[in-house]
Amino acid sequence: LCFGVLQNRLLLDFYVRAFSKVKLEKMELKVLCALRIALYQLLFLDKVPERAAVYESVSLARQYSRNPRSAGLVNGILRAFLREQGNLPPVQGADELEKLSLRYSHPRWLVELFCAELGPEEGEQLLRVDNEQPPTTIQVNQLRTDAAQLTSRLTAVGMQVEPHPWLEGCLLLTGSGD
């Protein structure tokens, strides 16, 4: 949850702004964090029931906020988000670069750099791929085994193993579970 919220913070904040009458700058940080966690779960995770994400974030706001009305604020924002979930407001910015910055949660200066170096289409592709989950990659400990032996041992327990395309002594794993 922590990594996902940090990775998507600009986008999550965009949706908090869209559904809150209270400005982000005026919100207590703990309340804003509770909202970010719930919105991340609602937008990106499919195994967390909506009611559980809302309940836990409301509980966090109730427990950690100094303002007794914060739990109601969190509940109201999240319920409004859920009502509009099928028709969310499109991500908008002052220009195309800000829009890309918000959609892919990268700082504007980095979006500008990517788009200047690669062009707008490839720059957007890089932003999208940068947010995807990386493959599980391991490095072979040459003091204990070699790549061929480790590959056969991992394959024997049901993993799919292939050599990394450019990192010598590294293997890409799929089917490895957690």
Protein backbone atom coordinates (compact mmCIF):
# COMPACT_ATOMS: atom_id res chain seq x y z
CA LEU A 1 0.00 0.00 0.00
CA CYS A 2 2.76 2.40 0.94
CA PHE A 3 4.65 1.92 -2.32
CA GLY A 4 1.47 2.14 -4.40
CA VAL A 5 0.36 5.36 -2.70
CA LEU A 6 3.79 6.95 -3.15
CA GLN A 7 4.00 5.83 -6.76
CA ASN A 8 0.56 7.29 -7.60
CA ARG A 9 0.44 10.26 -5.23
CA LEU A 10 -0.14 12.98 -7.84
CA LEU A 11 -3.06 11.07 -9.37
CA LEU A 12 -4.55 10.28 -5.96
CA ASP A 13 -4.30 13.94 -4.96
CA PHE A 14 -6.04 14.90 -8.21
CA TYR A 15 -9.02 12.76 -7.20
CA VAL A 16 -9.02 14.04 -3.62
CA ARG A 17 -9.23 17.58 -5.05
CA ALA A 18 -12.01 16.51 -7.42
CA PHE A 19 -14.22 15.13 -4.64
CA SER A 20 -13.37 17.36 -1.68
CA LYS A 21 -14.57 20.84 -0.83
CA VAL A 22 -11.61 21.16 1.55
CA LYS A 23 -8.36 22.14 -0.16
CA LEU A 24 -5.50 19.68 0.15
CA GLU A 25 -3.32 22.32 1.77
CA LYS A 26 -5.90 22.77 4.56
CA MET A 27 -6.28 19.04 5.25
CA GLU A 28 -4.54 17.44 8.16
CA LEU A 29 -1.76 15.21 6.78
CA LYS A 30 -3.07 12.10 8.53
CA VAL A 31 -6.50 12.62 6.98
CA LEU A 32 -4.99 13.13 3.54
CA CYS A 33 -2.93 9.95 3.96
CA ALA A 34 -6.05 7.98 4.93
CA LEU A 35 -7.77 9.25 1.79
CA ARG A 36 -4.80 8.41 -0.41
CA ILE A 37 -4.68 4.85 0.95
CA ALA A 38 -8.38 4.27 0.32
CA LEU A 39 -8.32 5.80 -3.16
CA TYR A 40 -5.30 3.72 -4.11
CA GLN A 41 -7.14 0.57 -3.03
CA LEU A 42 -10.30 1.61 -4.89
CA LEU A 43 -8.48 2.56 -8.09
CA PHE A 44 -5.74 -0.06 -8.35
CA LEU A 45 -6.50 -3.11 -6.18
CA ASP A 46 -9.24 -5.56 -6.99
CA LYS A 47 -9.03 -7.90 -3.99
CA VAL A 48 -9.92 -5.27 -1.39
CA PRO A 49 -13.70 -4.83 -1.03
CA GLU A 50 -14.82 -1.22 -1.42
CA ARG A 51 -16.55 -1.21 1.96
CA ALA A 52 -13.36 -2.41 3.68
CA ALA A 53 -11.22 0.31 2.07
CA VAL A 54 -13.72 2.99 3.14
CA TYR A 55 -14.19 1.58 6.64
CA GLU A 56 -10.46 1.31 7.35
CA SER A 57 -9.70 4.83 6.12
CA VAL A 58 -12.58 6.31 8.11
CA SER A 59 -11.28 4.43 11.15
CA LEU A 60 -7.78 5.79 10.58
CA ALA A 61 -9.11 9.34 10.36
CA ARG A 62 -11.20 8.86 13.50
CA GLN A 63 -8.24 7.40 15.40
CA TYR A 64 -5.44 9.76 14.34
CA SER A 65 -7.03 13.09 13.44
CA ARG A 66 -7.27 15.95 15.92
CA ASN A 67 -10.53 17.09 14.32
CA PRO A 68 -13.54 14.95 15.31
CA ARG A 69 -15.24 15.75 11.98
CA SER A 70 -12.41 14.28 9.89
CA ALA A 71 -13.97 10.80 9.82
CA GLY A 72 -17.11 12.28 8.26
CA LEU A 73 -15.03 14.18 5.71
CA VAL A 74 -13.17 11.01 4.69
CA ASN A 75 -16.41 9.03 4.50
CA GLY A 76 -18.10 11.72 2.40
CA ILE A 77 -15.23 12.04 -0.08
CA LEU A 78 -14.91 8.29 -0.51
CA ARG A 79 -18.66 7.75 -0.89
CA ALA A 80 -18.79 10.52 -3.52
CA PHE A 81 -15.88 8.87 -5.33
CA LEU A 82 -17.64 5.49 -5.27
CA ARG A 83 -20.86 7.01 -6.64
CA GLU A 84 -18.92 8.42 -9.59
CA GLN A 85 -16.45 5.56 -10.00
CA GLY A 86 -17.82 4.56 -13.39
CA ASN A 87 -17.76 8.17 -14.55
CA LEU A 88 -14.66 9.69 -12.96
CA PRO A 89 -13.59 13.15 -14.07
CA PRO A 90 -10.88 12.96 -16.73
CA VAL A 91 -7.39 13.82 -15.58
CA GLN A 92 -6.80 17.40 -16.65
CA GLY A 93 -3.96 19.84 -16.35
CA ALA A 94 -3.09 23.29 -17.59
CA ASP A 95 -1.40 21.68 -20.61
CA GLU A 96 -0.56 18.25 -22.00
CA LEU A 97 2.62 17.91 -19.93
CA GLU A 98 0.79 18.60 -16.67
CA LYS A 99 -1.91 16.15 -17.69
CA LEU A 100 0.74 13.46 -18.24
CA SER A 101 2.37 14.40 -14.94
CA LEU A 102 -0.90 13.86 -13.08
CA ARG A 103 -2.02 10.75 -14.96
CA TYR A 104 1.26 8.92 -14.44
CA SER A 105 2.26 10.60 -11.15
CA HIS A 106 5.66 11.81 -12.28
CA PRO A 107 7.03 15.27 -11.51
CA ARG A 108 6.53 17.73 -14.32
CA TRP A 109 10.25 18.32 -14.83
CA LEU A 110 10.72 14.59 -15.50
CA VAL A 111 7.77 14.50 -17.91
CA GLU A 112 9.28 17.49 -19.74
CA LEU A 113 12.64 15.73 -19.94
CA PHE A 114 11.20 12.44 -21.20
CA CYS A 115 9.00 14.15 -23.80
CA ALA A 116 11.83 16.42 -24.97
CA GLU A 117 14.24 13.51 -25.37
CA LEU A 118 11.84 10.90 -26.75
CA GLY A 119 8.95 12.87 -28.21
CA PRO A 120 5.45 13.03 -26.73
CA GLU A 121 4.29 9.52 -27.72
CA GLU A 122 7.40 7.64 -26.58
CA GLY A 123 7.64 9.87 -23.51
CA GLU A 124 4.11 8.86 -22.50
CA GLN A 125 4.94 5.21 -23.18
CA LEU A 126 7.95 5.44 -20.86
CA LEU A 127 5.81 7.07 -18.14
CA ARG A 128 3.23 4.29 -18.40
CA VAL A 129 5.81 1.48 -18.35
CA ASP A 130 7.64 3.12 -15.44
CA ASN A 131 4.52 2.60 -13.29
CA GLU A 132 4.15 -1.09 -14.12
CA GLN A 133 5.31 -3.75 -11.70
CA PRO A 134 8.85 -4.79 -12.57
CA PRO A 135 9.64 -8.44 -13.18
CA THR A 136 11.13 -10.44 -10.34
CA THR A 137 14.86 -10.51 -11.01
CA ILE A 138 17.47 -12.40 -9.02
CA GLN A 139 21.23 -12.40 -9.19
CA VAL A 140 23.02 -15.73 -9.07
CA ASN A 141 25.49 -16.04 -6.19
CA GLN A 142 28.47 -17.33 -8.16
CA LEU A 143 30.17 -18.47 -4.94
CA ARG A 144 27.43 -21.03 -4.28
CA THR A 145 26.07 -22.08 -7.69
CA ASP A 146 25.90 -21.14 -11.34
CA ALA A 147 23.00 -19.94 -13.50
CA ALA A 148 22.34 -23.37 -15.05
CA GLN A 149 22.14 -25.19 -11.71
CA LEU A 150 19.96 -22.52 -10.14
CA THR A 151 17.67 -22.51 -13.18
CA SER A 152 17.16 -26.27 -12.94
CA ARG A 153 16.49 -26.08 -9.18
CA LEU A 154 13.94 -23.28 -9.61
CA THR A 155 12.27 -24.98 -12.57
CA ALA A 156 11.94 -28.17 -10.49
CA VAL A 157 9.76 -26.29 -7.95
CA GLY A 158 7.47 -24.88 -10.65
CA MET A 159 9.00 -21.51 -11.50
CA GLN A 160 9.56 -20.25 -15.00
CA VAL A 161 13.11 -18.99 -15.35
CA GLU A 162 14.87 -17.22 -18.18
CA PRO A 163 18.18 -15.38 -18.35
CA HIS A 164 17.94 -11.61 -18.04
CA PRO A 165 18.38 -10.06 -21.50
CA TRP A 166 21.18 -7.66 -20.52
CA LEU A 167 22.21 -8.30 -16.89
CA GLU A 168 24.81 -11.05 -16.83
CA GLY A 169 24.36 -13.52 -13.99
CA CYS A 170 20.72 -12.50 -13.41
CA LEU A 171 17.53 -14.46 -13.98
CA LEU A 172 13.93 -13.38 -14.55
CA LEU A 173 11.33 -15.37 -12.58
CA THR A 174 7.63 -15.86 -13.19
CA GLY A 175 5.28 -18.11 -11.30
CA SER A 176 7.23 -17.47 -8.11
CA GLY A 177 4.31 -16.34 -5.96
CA ASP A 178 4.95 -13.78 -3.25
